[in-house]
Amino acid sequence: MYLCIIGPSGSGKSTLIRCINALNNITSGSIKVCGLEVNQPGLNKLELRKNVGMVFQQYNLFPHKTAIENIMMAPMLVLKESKDEVLFKARSFIRKVRLEDK
């Protein structure tokens, strides 16, 4: 499942995402991602972050790589997915946002 959080500047999107990624402490309430409680002591943050992605407002792609190569890096390096599987998904994402020429 994919979920996007969008909204105007200053509405708390980045703070929410930082809380979901266990980068900010949560002062009340709870957040669960794929059954993992974000505030849980001893949480394996790497496992949590395998299920959550962020695109920063000042994103920086690797300039020596194509758009599709940038997309493929995390699934291959972090999730250890096969190149063929990742390439298939990446091409699908690129088509979905009409960036095939990039």
Protein backbone atom coordinates (compact mmCIF):
# COMPACT_ATOMS: atom_id res chain seq x y z
CA MET A 1 0.00 0.00 0.00
CA TYR A 2 1.21 3.49 -0.79
CA LEU A 3 0.16 6.61 1.04
CA CYS A 4 1.14 10.18 0.20
CA ILE A 5 0.92 13.06 2.62
CA ILE A 6 0.47 16.41 0.90
CA GLY A 7 -0.55 19.85 2.06
CA PRO A 8 0.44 23.48 2.29
CA SER A 9 3.75 24.67 3.67
CA GLY A 10 3.77 24.72 7.47
CA SER A 11 0.93 22.23 7.92
CA GLY A 12 3.09 19.63 9.70
CA LYS A 13 3.82 17.14 6.90
CA SER A 14 7.55 16.97 7.55
CA THR A 15 7.05 16.70 11.31
CA LEU A 16 4.57 13.85 10.85
CA ILE A 17 6.89 11.98 8.49
CA ARG A 18 9.82 12.51 10.86
CA CYS A 19 7.69 11.04 13.68
CA ILE A 20 6.68 8.09 11.48
CA ASN A 21 10.37 7.43 10.74
CA ALA A 22 11.28 7.66 14.47
CA LEU A 23 13.43 10.72 13.77
CA ASN A 24 11.33 12.93 16.09
CA ASN A 25 9.98 11.86 19.47
CA ILE A 26 6.23 11.53 19.82
CA THR A 27 4.86 13.39 22.84
CA SER A 28 1.42 11.80 22.83
CA GLY A 29 -0.58 9.20 20.97
CA SER A 30 0.96 6.38 18.99
CA ILE A 31 1.97 5.50 15.45
CA LYS A 32 2.17 1.98 14.07
CA VAL A 33 3.78 1.08 10.76
CA CYS A 34 3.33 -2.48 9.54
CA GLY A 35 2.69 -3.57 13.13
CA LEU A 36 5.73 -1.77 14.55
CA GLU A 37 5.07 0.77 17.31
CA VAL A 38 7.24 3.78 16.46
CA ASN A 39 7.77 4.77 20.12
CA GLN A 40 8.59 1.24 21.26
CA PRO A 41 11.83 1.02 23.27
CA GLY A 42 14.41 -1.04 21.42
CA LEU A 43 12.66 -0.55 18.08
CA ASN A 44 14.70 -1.75 15.10
CA LYS A 45 14.61 1.54 13.20
CA LEU A 46 16.10 0.00 10.06
CA GLU A 47 13.19 -2.45 9.86
CA LEU A 48 10.74 0.41 10.36
CA ARG A 49 12.39 2.56 7.69
CA LYS A 50 12.27 -0.25 5.14
CA ASN A 51 8.53 0.46 5.02
CA VAL A 52 8.58 4.26 4.97
CA GLY A 53 10.09 6.56 2.36
CA MET A 54 10.64 10.29 2.41
CA VAL A 55 11.16 12.83 -0.34
CA PHE A 56 12.72 15.89 1.18
CA GLN A 57 11.64 19.38 0.13
CA GLN A 58 15.21 20.06 -0.98
CA TYR A 59 15.72 16.67 -2.58
CA ASN A 60 19.06 15.93 -4.16
CA LEU A 61 19.36 13.20 -6.74
CA PHE A 62 22.75 11.82 -7.63
CA PRO A 63 23.62 13.91 -10.70
CA HIS A 64 25.76 11.19 -12.28
CA LYS A 65 22.80 8.79 -12.34
CA THR A 66 19.59 8.77 -14.38
CA ALA A 67 16.20 9.20 -12.72
CA ILE A 68 15.56 5.46 -12.90
CA GLU A 69 18.98 4.67 -11.39
CA ASN A 70 18.22 7.04 -8.50
CA ILE A 71 14.86 5.28 -7.96
CA MET A 72 16.49 1.85 -7.99
CA MET A 73 19.21 2.52 -5.43
CA ALA A 74 17.31 2.12 -2.15
CA PRO A 75 15.37 -1.05 -3.02
CA MET A 76 18.56 -2.72 -4.23
CA LEU A 77 20.95 -1.50 -1.52
CA VAL A 78 18.67 -1.40 1.53
CA LEU A 79 16.00 -4.00 0.76
CA LYS A 80 18.37 -6.26 -1.22
CA GLU A 81 15.75 -6.73 -3.96
CA SER A 82 16.91 -8.14 -7.29
CA LYS A 83 17.88 -5.73 -10.05
CA ASP A 84 15.30 -7.19 -12.45
CA GLU A 85 12.45 -6.82 -9.95
CA VAL A 86 13.49 -3.28 -9.01
CA LEU A 87 13.90 -2.25 -12.66
CA PHE A 88 10.38 -3.48 -13.45
CA LYS A 89 8.90 -1.48 -10.56
CA ALA A 90 11.00 1.60 -11.31
CA ARG A 91 9.89 1.66 -14.95
CA SER A 92 6.29 1.43 -13.77
CA PHE A 93 6.77 4.39 -11.42
CA ILE A 94 8.51 6.42 -14.12
CA ARG A 95 5.63 5.74 -16.56
CA LYS A 96 3.06 6.62 -13.91
CA VAL A 97 4.51 10.12 -13.51
CA ARG A 98 5.35 10.48 -17.22
CA LEU A 99 9.10 10.85 -16.80
CA GLU A 100 10.23 8.17 -19.26
CA ASP A 101 12.47 10.67 -21.06
CA LYS A 102 14.42 11.48 -17.88
